[in-house]
């Protein structure tokens, strides 16, 4: 009886092991750990390849993109927001690196990045990835405060948010993906591994930064402005906490610094505004706002975007304490 029990136990262990092997993805990740499907039934995440007749990655140029379908599906009106023809086929069915007739010769780069898309009469106007993101951060007050002022530049850092190397991808898989021949299950496994490895940016801790900043470059009829630096950082962090779009594109810990210090490199110790903006109009840079205008465009622009009601634009003394007559006489 005891031997029979042992045999049954060994058989059960063998069956479990066989099941594990059967359901293991090509890169070694268990299928049970795969992302759940979307409400539409589409896979939750996938790798989008730069579809092309060329199999040489150097000739194609673009790196693939890991697309989180589940996150995006919950943010759009319906499938036609992206699949604008009404047919939920892969984008690369019509839009390739070179462009083809099925997509009116709109190539893949244009389809994904265009911002000046002509309205369609009697039908929904297509949206690109970039145009949809730009619409989101222009409409939402938690984004608009910064993005009314700072427009993301298409730098290498900006591109690398989406176009990244996938560590688990082999050269053979890349070639197969570009030519549209990569196995579907391999694609899903690659996307899952990439998403699991991705970590959101660790924003700077306000406690490690200056609590208050004295802005005294323009003391005339008003006293210096004491700017509550830490409070503004805390407010911005609170506004975007847990936001997937912000977590994806805010790629440096110093990202909040670049809202005000918009032309300085990302740094915890950026240059002062006066290093670029002079008290009077700079004849060498006539299009650059002078210092007072720069301060007010930044502060008021952010407050307008985030629908901050106080202080009123006409209430100068809310930010600048009025100098006394004695102070004026002693100048």
C-alpha atoms as a PDB file:
ATOM      1  CA  UNK A   1       0.000   0.000   0.000  1.00  0.00           C
ATOM      2  CA  UNK A   2       2.837   2.357   0.925  1.00  0.00           C
ATOM      3  CA  UNK A   3       4.620   1.641  -2.408  1.00  0.00           C
ATOM      4  CA  UNK A   4       1.385   2.325  -4.307  1.00  0.00           C
ATOM      5  CA  UNK A   5       1.059   5.735  -2.613  1.00  0.00           C
ATOM      6  CA  UNK A   6       4.632   6.591  -3.555  1.00  0.00           C
ATOM      7  CA  UNK A   7       3.998   5.640  -7.183  1.00  0.00           C
ATOM      8  CA  UNK A   8       0.861   7.807  -7.313  1.00  0.00           C
ATOM      9  CA  UNK A   9       2.764  10.744  -5.819  1.00  0.00           C
ATOM     10  CA  UNK A  10       5.614  10.391  -8.334  1.00  0.00           C
ATOM     11  CA  UNK A  11       3.122  10.192 -11.181  1.00  0.00           C
ATOM     12  CA  UNK A  12       1.399  13.389  -9.997  1.00  0.00           C
ATOM     13  CA  UNK A  13       4.751  15.207  -9.804  1.00  0.00           C
ATOM     14  CA  UNK A  14       5.607  14.045 -13.332  1.00  0.00           C
ATOM     15  CA  UNK A  15       2.266  15.294 -14.671  1.00  0.00           C
ATOM     16  CA  UNK A  16       2.768  18.713 -13.065  1.00  0.00           C
ATOM     17  CA  UNK A  17       6.274  18.922 -14.532  1.00  0.00           C
ATOM     18  CA  UNK A  18       4.989  17.988 -17.985  1.00  0.00           C
ATOM     19  CA  UNK A  19       2.276  20.618 -17.741  1.00  0.00           C
ATOM     20  CA  UNK A  20       4.853  23.249 -16.807  1.00  0.00           C
ATOM     21  CA  UNK A  21       6.918  22.369 -19.858  1.00  0.00           C
ATOM     22  CA  UNK A  22       3.859  22.447 -22.106  1.00  0.00           C
ATOM     23  CA  UNK A  23       2.842  25.919 -20.985  1.00  0.00           C
ATOM     24  CA  UNK A  24       6.274  27.505 -20.861  1.00  0.00           C
ATOM     25  CA  UNK A  25       6.772  30.391 -23.271  1.00  0.00           C
ATOM     26  CA  UNK A  26       9.736  30.355 -25.729  1.00  0.00           C
ATOM     27  CA  UNK A  27      11.865  32.641 -23.533  1.00  0.00           C
ATOM     28  CA  UNK A  28      11.253  30.620 -20.378  1.00  0.00           C
ATOM     29  CA  UNK A  29       8.411  32.727 -18.908  1.00  0.00           C
ATOM     30  CA  UNK A  30       5.410  30.806 -17.662  1.00  0.00           C
ATOM     31  CA  UNK A  31       2.209  31.358 -19.641  1.00  0.00           C
ATOM     32  CA  UNK A  32       0.317  31.675 -16.361  1.00  0.00           C
ATOM     33  CA  UNK A  33       2.335  34.827 -15.694  1.00  0.00           C
ATOM     34  CA  UNK A  34       1.434  36.380 -19.053  1.00  0.00           C
ATOM     35  CA  UNK A  35      -0.539  39.666 -19.021  1.00  0.00           C
ATOM     36  CA  UNK A  36      -4.278  39.200 -19.011  1.00  0.00           C
ATOM     37  CA  UNK A  37      -6.222  39.960 -22.160  1.00  0.00           C
ATOM     38  CA  UNK A  38      -8.043  43.208 -22.819  1.00  0.00           C
ATOM     39  CA  UNK A  39     -11.819  43.593 -22.768  1.00  0.00           C
ATOM     40  CA  UNK A  40     -11.839  43.392 -26.563  1.00  0.00           C
ATOM     41  CA  UNK A  41     -10.066  40.047 -26.413  1.00  0.00           C
ATOM     42  CA  UNK A  42      -6.802  41.349 -27.877  1.00  0.00           C
ATOM     43  CA  UNK A  43      -3.516  40.453 -26.242  1.00  0.00           C
ATOM     44  CA  UNK A  44      -2.595  42.832 -23.430  1.00  0.00           C
ATOM     45  CA  UNK A  45       0.924  43.566 -24.668  1.00  0.00           C
ATOM     46  CA  UNK A  46       2.859  43.020 -27.862  1.00  0.00           C
ATOM     47  CA  UNK A  47       5.976  44.085 -29.727  1.00  0.00           C
ATOM     48  CA  UNK A  48       5.398  46.397 -32.701  1.00  0.00           C
ATOM     49  CA  UNK A  49       8.109  45.914 -35.304  1.00  0.00           C
ATOM     50  CA  UNK A  50       9.085  48.331 -38.092  1.00  0.00           C
ATOM     51  CA  UNK A  51       7.558  46.208 -40.843  1.00  0.00           C
ATOM     52  CA  UNK A  52       9.662  46.293 -43.981  1.00  0.00           C
ATOM     53  CA  UNK A  53      10.726  44.274 -46.984  1.00  0.00           C
ATOM     54  CA  UNK A  54      14.274  44.873 -45.786  1.00  0.00           C
ATOM     55  CA  UNK A  55      15.562  42.511 -43.116  1.00  0.00           C
ATOM     56  CA  UNK A  56      18.657  44.567 -42.335  1.00  0.00           C
ATOM     57  CA  UNK A  57      18.026  46.412 -39.061  1.00  0.00           C
ATOM     58  CA  UNK A  58      20.437  49.157 -40.053  1.00  0.00           C
ATOM     59  CA  UNK A  59      18.472  49.795 -43.240  1.00  0.00           C
ATOM     60  CA  UNK A  60      15.157  49.867 -41.365  1.00  0.00           C
ATOM     61  CA  UNK A  61      16.463  52.331 -38.790  1.00  0.00           C
ATOM     62  CA  UNK A  62      13.821  52.088 -36.060  1.00  0.00           C
ATOM     63  CA  UNK A  63      13.970  49.928 -32.972  1.00  0.00           C
ATOM     64  CA  UNK A  64      10.816  47.959 -32.112  1.00  0.00           C
ATOM     65  CA  UNK A  65       8.221  49.240 -29.626  1.00  0.00           C
ATOM     66  CA  UNK A  66       6.656  47.329 -26.738  1.00  0.00           C
ATOM     67  CA  UNK A  67       3.001  48.361 -26.802  1.00  0.00           C
ATOM     68  CA  UNK A  68       0.873  47.999 -23.662  1.00  0.00           C
ATOM     69  CA  UNK A  69      -2.471  47.368 -25.331  1.00  0.00           C
ATOM     70  CA  UNK A  70      -4.374  46.886 -22.096  1.00  0.00           C
ATOM     71  CA  UNK A  71      -3.406  50.301 -20.691  1.00  0.00           C
ATOM     72  CA  UNK A  72      -4.261  52.063 -23.937  1.00  0.00           C
ATOM     73  CA  UNK A  73      -7.603  50.325 -24.433  1.00  0.00           C
ATOM     74  CA  UNK A  74      -8.822  51.696 -21.114  1.00  0.00           C
ATOM     75  CA  UNK A  75      -7.970  55.279 -22.161  1.00  0.00           C
ATOM     76  CA  UNK A  76      -9.615  55.558 -25.595  1.00  0.00           C
ATOM     77  CA  UNK A  77     -13.190  55.788 -26.813  1.00  0.00           C
ATOM     78  CA  UNK A  78     -13.157  52.536 -28.763  1.00  0.00           C
ATOM     79  CA  UNK A  79     -10.987  50.447 -31.082  1.00  0.00           C
ATOM     80  CA  UNK A  80     -11.447  52.889 -33.971  1.00  0.00           C
ATOM     81  CA  UNK A  81      -9.536  55.526 -32.033  1.00  0.00           C
ATOM     82  CA  UNK A  82      -6.427  53.745 -33.309  1.00  0.00           C
ATOM     83  CA  UNK A  83      -7.757  51.292 -35.885  1.00  0.00           C
ATOM     84  CA  UNK A  84      -9.370  54.130 -37.830  1.00  0.00           C
ATOM     85  CA  UNK A  85     -10.533  51.974 -40.762  1.00  0.00           C
ATOM     86  CA  UNK A  86     -12.788  49.968 -38.451  1.00  0.00           C
ATOM     87  CA  UNK A  87     -10.787  46.808 -39.119  1.00  0.00           C
ATOM     88  CA  UNK A  88      -8.721  45.874 -36.015  1.00  0.00           C
ATOM     89  CA  UNK A  89      -5.718  44.542 -37.920  1.00  0.00           C
ATOM     90  CA  UNK A  90      -2.110  45.371 -37.023  1.00  0.00           C
ATOM     91  CA  UNK A  91      -1.079  48.907 -38.028  1.00  0.00           C
ATOM     92  CA  UNK A  92       1.721  47.434 -40.128  1.00  0.00           C
ATOM     93  CA  UNK A  93      -0.853  45.767 -42.371  1.00  0.00           C
ATOM     94  CA  UNK A  94      -1.240  49.164 -44.037  1.00  0.00           C
ATOM     95  CA  UNK A  95       1.693  51.240 -42.785  1.00  0.00           C
ATOM     96  CA  UNK A  96       5.213  49.992 -43.355  1.00  0.00           C
ATOM     97  CA  UNK A  97       8.596  51.697 -43.142  1.00  0.00           C
ATOM     98  CA  UNK A  98       8.487  52.429 -46.881  1.00  0.00           C
ATOM     99  CA  UNK A  99       4.701  52.931 -47.141  1.00  0.00           C
ATOM    100  CA  UNK A 100       2.346  51.058 -49.439  1.00  0.00           C
ATOM    101  CA  UNK A 101      -0.919  51.463 -51.351  1.00  0.00           C
ATOM    102  CA  UNK A 102      -3.133  49.948 -48.641  1.00  0.00           C
ATOM    103  CA  UNK A 103      -2.168  52.817 -46.354  1.00  0.00           C
ATOM    104  CA  UNK A 104      -2.307  55.560 -49.023  1.00  0.00           C
ATOM    105  CA  UNK A 105       1.490  55.466 -48.901  1.00  0.00           C
ATOM    106  CA  UNK A 106       1.480  56.955 -45.407  1.00  0.00           C
ATOM    107  CA  UNK A 107       4.566  55.301 -43.977  1.00  0.00           C
ATOM    108  CA  UNK A 108       4.872  53.894 -40.471  1.00  0.00           C
ATOM    109  CA  UNK A 109       6.812  56.846 -39.043  1.00  0.00           C
ATOM    110  CA  UNK A 110       4.154  59.277 -40.250  1.00  0.00           C
ATOM    111  CA  UNK A 111       1.258  57.123 -39.073  1.00  0.00           C
ATOM    112  CA  UNK A 112       2.679  56.923 -35.560  1.00  0.00           C
ATOM    113  CA  UNK A 113       4.079  60.464 -35.149  1.00  0.00           C
ATOM    114  CA  UNK A 114       2.033  62.901 -37.260  1.00  0.00           C
ATOM    115  CA  UNK A 115       0.494  65.876 -35.454  1.00  0.00           C
ATOM    116  CA  UNK A 116      -0.988  67.844 -38.371  1.00  0.00           C
ATOM    117  CA  UNK A 117      -3.564  65.257 -39.469  1.00  0.00           C
ATOM    118  CA  UNK A 118      -6.176  66.619 -41.874  1.00  0.00           C
ATOM    119  CA  UNK A 119      -9.789  66.213 -40.594  1.00  0.00           C
ATOM    120  CA  UNK A 120     -11.881  63.583 -42.385  1.00  0.00           C
ATOM    121  CA  UNK A 121     -15.333  64.639 -43.553  1.00  0.00           C
ATOM    122  CA  UNK A 122     -18.092  62.270 -42.502  1.00  0.00           C
ATOM    123  CA  UNK A 123     -15.752  59.928 -40.639  1.00  0.00           C
ATOM    124  CA  UNK A 124     -13.459  59.869 -37.650  1.00  0.00           C
ATOM    125  CA  UNK A 125     -10.145  61.611 -38.092  1.00  0.00           C
ATOM    126  CA  UNK A 126      -7.226  59.228 -37.494  1.00  0.00           C
ATOM    127  CA  UNK A 127      -4.888  59.845 -34.572  1.00  0.00           C
ATOM    128  CA  UNK A 128      -1.237  58.984 -34.249  1.00  0.00           C
ATOM    129  CA  UNK A 129       0.451  57.958 -31.017  1.00  0.00           C
ATOM    130  CA  UNK A 130       2.034  61.398 -30.716  1.00  0.00           C
ATOM    131  CA  UNK A 131      -1.096  63.395 -31.570  1.00  0.00           C
ATOM    132  CA  UNK A 132      -3.167  61.421 -29.036  1.00  0.00           C
ATOM    133  CA  UNK A 133      -0.590  61.932 -26.273  1.00  0.00           C
ATOM    134  CA  UNK A 134      -0.348  65.639 -27.085  1.00  0.00           C
ATOM    135  CA  UNK A 135      -4.142  65.953 -26.847  1.00  0.00           C
ATOM    136  CA  UNK A 136      -4.158  64.216 -23.475  1.00  0.00           C
ATOM    137  CA  UNK A 137      -1.558  66.396 -21.817  1.00  0.00           C
ATOM    138  CA  UNK A 138      -3.094  69.553 -23.273  1.00  0.00           C
ATOM    139  CA  UNK A 139      -6.576  68.743 -21.928  1.00  0.00           C
ATOM    140  CA  UNK A 140      -5.833  67.343 -18.478  1.00  0.00           C
ATOM    141  CA  UNK A 141      -5.135  69.998 -15.871  1.00  0.00           C
ATOM    142  CA  UNK A 142      -2.635  67.825 -14.024  1.00  0.00           C
ATOM    143  CA  UNK A 143      -0.540  67.752 -17.214  1.00  0.00           C
ATOM    144  CA  UNK A 144      -1.354  71.111 -18.788  1.00  0.00           C
ATOM    145  CA  UNK A 145       0.361  73.168 -16.100  1.00  0.00           C
ATOM    146  CA  UNK A 146       3.764  72.015 -17.308  1.00  0.00           C
ATOM    147  CA  UNK A 147       2.941  71.191 -20.907  1.00  0.00           C
ATOM    148  CA  UNK A 148       1.386  74.575 -21.622  1.00  0.00           C
ATOM    149  CA  UNK A 149       4.938  75.827 -21.140  1.00  0.00           C
ATOM    150  CA  UNK A 150       7.198  72.949 -22.108  1.00  0.00           C
ATOM    151  CA  UNK A 151       6.689  71.104 -25.389  1.00  0.00           C
ATOM    152  CA  UNK A 152       8.497  67.744 -25.481  1.00  0.00           C
ATOM    153  CA  UNK A 153      11.403  67.887 -27.922  1.00  0.00           C
ATOM    154  CA  UNK A 154      11.946  64.961 -30.228  1.00  0.00           C
ATOM    155  CA  UNK A 155      15.369  64.140 -28.855  1.00  0.00           C
ATOM    156  CA  UNK A 156      17.052  60.739 -28.617  1.00  0.00           C
ATOM    157  CA  UNK A 157      15.831  60.548 -25.026  1.00  0.00           C
ATOM    158  CA  UNK A 158      12.233  61.179 -26.129  1.00  0.00           C
ATOM    159  CA  UNK A 159      12.413  58.526 -28.865  1.00  0.00           C
ATOM    160  CA  UNK A 160      14.004  55.972 -26.518  1.00  0.00           C
ATOM    161  CA  UNK A 161      10.919  55.941 -24.282  1.00  0.00           C
ATOM    162  CA  UNK A 162       9.163  53.817 -26.908  1.00  0.00           C
ATOM    163  CA  UNK A 163      11.919  52.618 -29.231  1.00  0.00           C
ATOM    164  CA  UNK A 164      14.090  50.458 -27.025  1.00  0.00           C
ATOM    165  CA  UNK A 165      16.316  47.409 -27.217  1.00  0.00           C
ATOM    166  CA  UNK A 166      14.614  44.291 -25.853  1.00  0.00           C
ATOM    167  CA  UNK A 167      17.317  42.344 -23.958  1.00  0.00           C
ATOM    168  CA  UNK A 168      15.696  38.938 -24.468  1.00  0.00           C
ATOM    169  CA  UNK A 169      15.251  39.415 -28.226  1.00  0.00           C
ATOM    170  CA  UNK A 170      17.616  37.560 -30.537  1.00  0.00           C
ATOM    171  CA  UNK A 171      18.810  38.845 -33.904  1.00  0.00           C
ATOM    172  CA  UNK A 172      16.783  36.091 -35.572  1.00  0.00           C
ATOM    173  CA  UNK A 173      13.605  37.212 -33.773  1.00  0.00           C
ATOM    174  CA  UNK A 174      14.228  40.822 -34.803  1.00  0.00           C
ATOM    175  CA  UNK A 175      14.615  39.843 -38.461  1.00  0.00           C
ATOM    176  CA  UNK A 176      11.507  37.672 -38.249  1.00  0.00           C
ATOM    177  CA  UNK A 177       9.543  40.501 -36.625  1.00  0.00           C
ATOM    178  CA  UNK A 178      10.526  43.042 -39.276  1.00  0.00           C
ATOM    179  CA  UNK A 179       9.449  40.668 -42.042  1.00  0.00           C
ATOM    180  CA  UNK A 180       6.209  39.763 -40.241  1.00  0.00           C
ATOM    181  CA  UNK A 181       7.188  36.149 -39.655  1.00  0.00           C
ATOM    182  CA  UNK A 182       7.751  36.104 -35.882  1.00  0.00           C
ATOM    183  CA  UNK A 183       5.669  33.527 -34.040  1.00  0.00           C
ATOM    184  CA  UNK A 184       2.777  35.164 -32.133  1.00  0.00           C
ATOM    185  CA  UNK A 185       3.610  33.423 -28.860  1.00  0.00           C
ATOM    186  CA  UNK A 186       7.238  34.540 -29.097  1.00  0.00           C
ATOM    187  CA  UNK A 187       6.083  38.105 -29.656  1.00  0.00           C
ATOM    188  CA  UNK A 188       3.900  38.032 -26.543  1.00  0.00           C
ATOM    189  CA  UNK A 189       6.685  36.522 -24.443  1.00  0.00           C
ATOM    190  CA  UNK A 190       9.129  39.239 -25.549  1.00  0.00           C
ATOM    191  CA  UNK A 191       6.622  41.981 -24.707  1.00  0.00           C
ATOM    192  CA  UNK A 192       5.930  40.472 -21.305  1.00  0.00           C
ATOM    193  CA  UNK A 193       9.630  40.266 -20.442  1.00  0.00           C
ATOM    194  CA  UNK A 194      10.222  43.868 -21.516  1.00  0.00           C
ATOM    195  CA  UNK A 195       7.302  45.236 -19.481  1.00  0.00           C
ATOM    196  CA  UNK A 196       8.368  43.258 -16.419  1.00  0.00           C
ATOM    197  CA  UNK A 197      11.859  44.785 -16.629  1.00  0.00           C
ATOM    198  CA  UNK A 198      10.646  48.368 -17.083  1.00  0.00           C
ATOM    199  CA  UNK A 199      10.608  50.519 -13.943  1.00  0.00           C
ATOM    200  CA  UNK A 200       8.981  53.947 -13.550  1.00  0.00           C
ATOM    201  CA  UNK A 201      11.233  56.918 -12.967  1.00  0.00           C
ATOM    202  CA  UNK A 202      12.128  57.691  -9.350  1.00  0.00           C
ATOM    203  CA  UNK A 203      11.260  61.375  -9.019  1.00  0.00           C
ATOM    204  CA  UNK A 204      13.412  63.601  -6.861  1.00  0.00           C
ATOM    205  CA  UNK A 205      12.497  63.742  -3.198  1.00  0.00           C
ATOM    206  CA  UNK A 206      11.388  67.331  -2.343  1.00  0.00           C
ATOM    207  CA  UNK A 207      12.999  66.934   1.090  1.00  0.00           C
ATOM    208  CA  UNK A 208      16.401  66.762  -0.594  1.00  0.00           C
ATOM    209  CA  UNK A 209      15.841  69.967  -2.542  1.00  0.00           C
ATOM    210  CA  UNK A 210      15.687  73.628  -1.530  1.00  0.00           C
ATOM    211  CA  UNK A 211      12.636  74.338   0.614  1.00  0.00           C
ATOM    212  CA  UNK A 212      12.314  77.973  -0.472  1.00  0.00           C
ATOM    213  CA  UNK A 213      13.989  80.055  -3.172  1.00  0.00           C
ATOM    214  CA  UNK A 214      14.381  83.822  -2.955  1.00  0.00           C
ATOM    215  CA  UNK A 215      13.861  85.483  -6.344  1.00  0.00           C
ATOM    216  CA  UNK A 216      15.366  88.930  -6.009  1.00  0.00           C
ATOM    217  CA  UNK A 217      16.702  89.767  -9.457  1.00  0.00           C
ATOM    218  CA  UNK A 218      14.076  92.460 -10.072  1.00  0.00           C
ATOM    219  CA  UNK A 219      13.672  94.342  -6.800  1.00  0.00           C
ATOM    220  CA  UNK A 220      12.230  97.769  -7.591  1.00  0.00           C
ATOM    221  CA  UNK A 221       8.841  98.784  -6.208  1.00  0.00           C
ATOM    222  CA  UNK A 222       8.305  95.285  -4.797  1.00  0.00           C
ATOM    223  CA  UNK A 223      10.387  93.205  -2.409  1.00  0.00           C
ATOM    224  CA  UNK A 224      11.939  89.867  -3.355  1.00  0.00           C
ATOM    225  CA  UNK A 225       9.603  86.959  -4.004  1.00  0.00           C
ATOM    226  CA  UNK A 226       9.991  84.030  -1.596  1.00  0.00           C
ATOM    227  CA  UNK A 227       9.063  81.029  -3.741  1.00  0.00           C
ATOM    228  CA  UNK A 228       7.906  77.884  -1.929  1.00  0.00           C
ATOM    229  CA  UNK A 229       9.947  75.500  -4.033  1.00  0.00           C
ATOM    230  CA  UNK A 230       9.255  72.250  -2.157  1.00  0.00           C
ATOM    231  CA  UNK A 231       5.500  72.823  -2.010  1.00  0.00           C
ATOM    232  CA  UNK A 232       5.299  73.140  -5.799  1.00  0.00           C
ATOM    233  CA  UNK A 233       7.278  69.928  -6.306  1.00  0.00           C
ATOM    234  CA  UNK A 234       5.028  68.039  -3.874  1.00  0.00           C
ATOM    235  CA  UNK A 235       1.929  69.363  -5.654  1.00  0.00           C
ATOM    236  CA  UNK A 236       3.179  68.292  -9.075  1.00  0.00           C
ATOM    237  CA  UNK A 237       4.101  64.816  -7.823  1.00  0.00           C
ATOM    238  CA  UNK A 238       0.681  64.407  -6.232  1.00  0.00           C
ATOM    239  CA  UNK A 239      -1.091  65.402  -9.446  1.00  0.00           C
ATOM    240  CA  UNK A 240       0.520  62.709 -11.599  1.00  0.00           C
ATOM    241  CA  UNK A 241       0.988  59.935  -9.043  1.00  0.00           C
ATOM    242  CA  UNK A 242       0.349  56.551 -10.652  1.00  0.00           C
ATOM    243  CA  UNK A 243      -0.307  58.010 -14.116  1.00  0.00           C
ATOM    244  CA  UNK A 244       0.915  55.578 -16.781  1.00  0.00           C
ATOM    245  CA  UNK A 245       1.588  58.222 -19.425  1.00  0.00           C
ATOM    246  CA  UNK A 246       3.606  60.372 -17.029  1.00  0.00           C
ATOM    247  CA  UNK A 247       5.533  57.371 -15.700  1.00  0.00           C
ATOM    248  CA  UNK A 248       6.437  56.358 -19.251  1.00  0.00           C
ATOM    249  CA  UNK A 249       7.625  59.710 -20.583  1.00  0.00           C
ATOM    250  CA  UNK A 250       9.088  61.310 -17.459  1.00  0.00           C
ATOM    251  CA  UNK A 251      12.380  59.548 -17.965  1.00  0.00           C
ATOM    252  CA  UNK A 252      14.660  61.456 -15.575  1.00  0.00           C
ATOM    253  CA  UNK A 253      14.385  62.134 -11.818  1.00  0.00           C
ATOM    254  CA  UNK A 254      14.889  65.863 -12.507  1.00  0.00           C
ATOM    255  CA  UNK A 255      11.916  66.085 -14.887  1.00  0.00           C
ATOM    256  CA  UNK A 256      10.044  68.630 -12.727  1.00  0.00           C
ATOM    257  CA  UNK A 257      13.056  70.955 -12.764  1.00  0.00           C
ATOM    258  CA  UNK A 258      12.697  71.268 -16.532  1.00  0.00           C
ATOM    259  CA  UNK A 259       9.252  72.823 -16.264  1.00  0.00           C
ATOM    260  CA  UNK A 260      10.646  76.116 -14.992  1.00  0.00           C
ATOM    261  CA  UNK A 261      14.255  75.665 -16.102  1.00  0.00           C
ATOM    262  CA  UNK A 262      12.989  74.701 -19.527  1.00  0.00           C
ATOM    263  CA  UNK A 263      16.168  75.212 -21.555  1.00  0.00           C
ATOM    264  CA  UNK A 264      18.628  73.916 -18.975  1.00  0.00           C
ATOM    265  CA  UNK A 265      19.953  70.346 -19.012  1.00  0.00           C
ATOM    266  CA  UNK A 266      18.181  68.040 -16.558  1.00  0.00           C
ATOM    267  CA  UNK A 267      19.902  68.775 -13.265  1.00  0.00           C
ATOM    268  CA  UNK A 268      19.192  69.210  -9.559  1.00  0.00           C
ATOM    269  CA  UNK A 269      21.165  72.460  -9.717  1.00  0.00           C
ATOM    270  CA  UNK A 270      20.004  74.171 -12.928  1.00  0.00           C
ATOM    271  CA  UNK A 271      21.110  77.620 -14.026  1.00  0.00           C
ATOM    272  CA  UNK A 272      19.242  80.675 -12.803  1.00  0.00           C
ATOM    273  CA  UNK A 273      16.689  82.299 -15.101  1.00  0.00           C
ATOM    274  CA  UNK A 274      18.827  85.431 -15.377  1.00  0.00           C
ATOM    275  CA  UNK A 275      21.583  83.415 -17.065  1.00  0.00           C
ATOM    276  CA  UNK A 276      19.429  83.430 -20.222  1.00  0.00           C
ATOM    277  CA  UNK A 277      16.810  86.135 -19.631  1.00  0.00           C
ATOM    278  CA  UNK A 278      18.229  89.645 -19.238  1.00  0.00           C
ATOM    279  CA  UNK A 279      16.393  92.447 -17.384  1.00  0.00           C
ATOM    280  CA  UNK A 280      15.822  94.247 -20.689  1.00  0.00           C
ATOM    281  CA  UNK A 281      15.270  92.942 -24.206  1.00  0.00           C
ATOM    282  CA  UNK A 282      18.434  91.294 -25.469  1.00  0.00           C
ATOM    283  CA  UNK A 283      19.315  92.778 -28.867  1.00  0.00           C
ATOM    284  CA  UNK A 284      21.148  89.577 -29.797  1.00  0.00           C
ATOM    285  CA  UNK A 285      18.046  87.512 -28.973  1.00  0.00           C
ATOM    286  CA  UNK A 286      15.045  89.814 -29.545  1.00  0.00           C
ATOM    287  CA  UNK A 287      12.599  86.910 -29.485  1.00  0.00           C
ATOM    288  CA  UNK A 288      13.658  85.863 -25.982  1.00  0.00           C
ATOM    289  CA  UNK A 289      11.416  87.315 -23.223  1.00  0.00           C
ATOM    290  CA  UNK A 290      13.168  89.661 -20.771  1.00  0.00           C
ATOM    291  CA  UNK A 291      13.433  88.490 -17.187  1.00  0.00           C
ATOM    292  CA  UNK A 292      10.197  89.907 -15.761  1.00  0.00           C
ATOM    293  CA  UNK A 293       8.162  88.568 -18.691  1.00  0.00           C
ATOM    294  CA  UNK A 294       9.862  85.164 -18.424  1.00  0.00           C
ATOM    295  CA  UNK A 295       8.956  84.843 -14.735  1.00  0.00           C
ATOM    296  CA  UNK A 296       5.334  85.796 -15.296  1.00  0.00           C
ATOM    297  CA  UNK A 297       4.885  83.662 -18.416  1.00  0.00           C
ATOM    298  CA  UNK A 298       6.154  80.612 -16.512  1.00  0.00           C
ATOM    299  CA  UNK A 299       4.227  81.164 -13.284  1.00  0.00           C
ATOM    300  CA  UNK A 300       0.965  82.334 -14.825  1.00  0.00           C
ATOM    301  CA  UNK A 301       1.149  79.806 -17.647  1.00  0.00           C
ATOM    302  CA  UNK A 302       1.408  76.928 -15.177  1.00  0.00           C
ATOM    303  CA  UNK A 303      -1.384  78.283 -12.971  1.00  0.00           C
ATOM    304  CA  UNK A 304      -3.656  78.792 -15.993  1.00  0.00           C
ATOM    305  CA  UNK A 305      -3.012  75.275 -17.250  1.00  0.00           C
ATOM    306  CA  UNK A 306      -3.703  73.679 -13.867  1.00  0.00           C
ATOM    307  CA  UNK A 307      -6.702  75.933 -13.239  1.00  0.00           C
ATOM    308  CA  UNK A 308      -5.181  77.433 -10.099  1.00  0.00           C
ATOM    309  CA  UNK A 309      -7.450  80.311  -9.052  1.00  0.00           C
ATOM    310  CA  UNK A 310      -5.099  82.059  -6.629  1.00  0.00           C
ATOM    311  CA  UNK A 311      -3.383  84.391  -6.783  1.00  0.00           C
ATOM    312  CA  UNK A 312      -5.240  86.540  -9.295  1.00  0.00           C
ATOM    313  CA  UNK A 313      -3.064  87.870 -12.096  1.00  0.00           C
ATOM    314  CA  UNK A 314      -3.779  91.422 -11.012  1.00  0.00           C
ATOM    315  CA  UNK A 315      -2.893  90.770  -7.371  1.00  0.00           C
ATOM    316  CA  UNK A 316       0.813  91.598  -7.460  1.00  0.00           C
ATOM    317  CA  UNK A 317       1.206  91.736  -3.689  1.00  0.00           C
ATOM    318  CA  UNK A 318       0.120  88.111  -3.301  1.00  0.00           C
ATOM    319  CA  UNK A 319       3.600  87.184  -4.522  1.00  0.00           C
ATOM    320  CA  UNK A 320       5.541  90.421  -4.095  1.00  0.00           C
ATOM    321  CA  UNK A 321       5.380  92.422  -0.906  1.00  0.00           C
ATOM    322  CA  UNK A 322       5.116  96.129  -1.724  1.00  0.00           C
ATOM    323  CA  UNK A 323       8.175  98.146  -0.738  1.00  0.00           C
ATOM    324  CA  UNK A 324       7.598 100.889   1.815  1.00  0.00           C
ATOM    325  CA  UNK A 325       8.130 104.599   1.109  1.00  0.00           C
ATOM    326  CA  UNK A 326      11.182 104.532   3.384  1.00  0.00           C
ATOM    327  CA  UNK A 327      12.670 101.698   1.413  1.00  0.00           C
ATOM    328  CA  UNK A 328      12.081 103.571  -1.827  1.00  0.00           C
ATOM    329  CA  UNK A 329      13.769 106.704  -0.438  1.00  0.00           C
ATOM    330  CA  UNK A 330      16.805 104.752   0.728  1.00  0.00           C
ATOM    331  CA  UNK A 331      17.496 103.333  -2.707  1.00  0.00           C
END
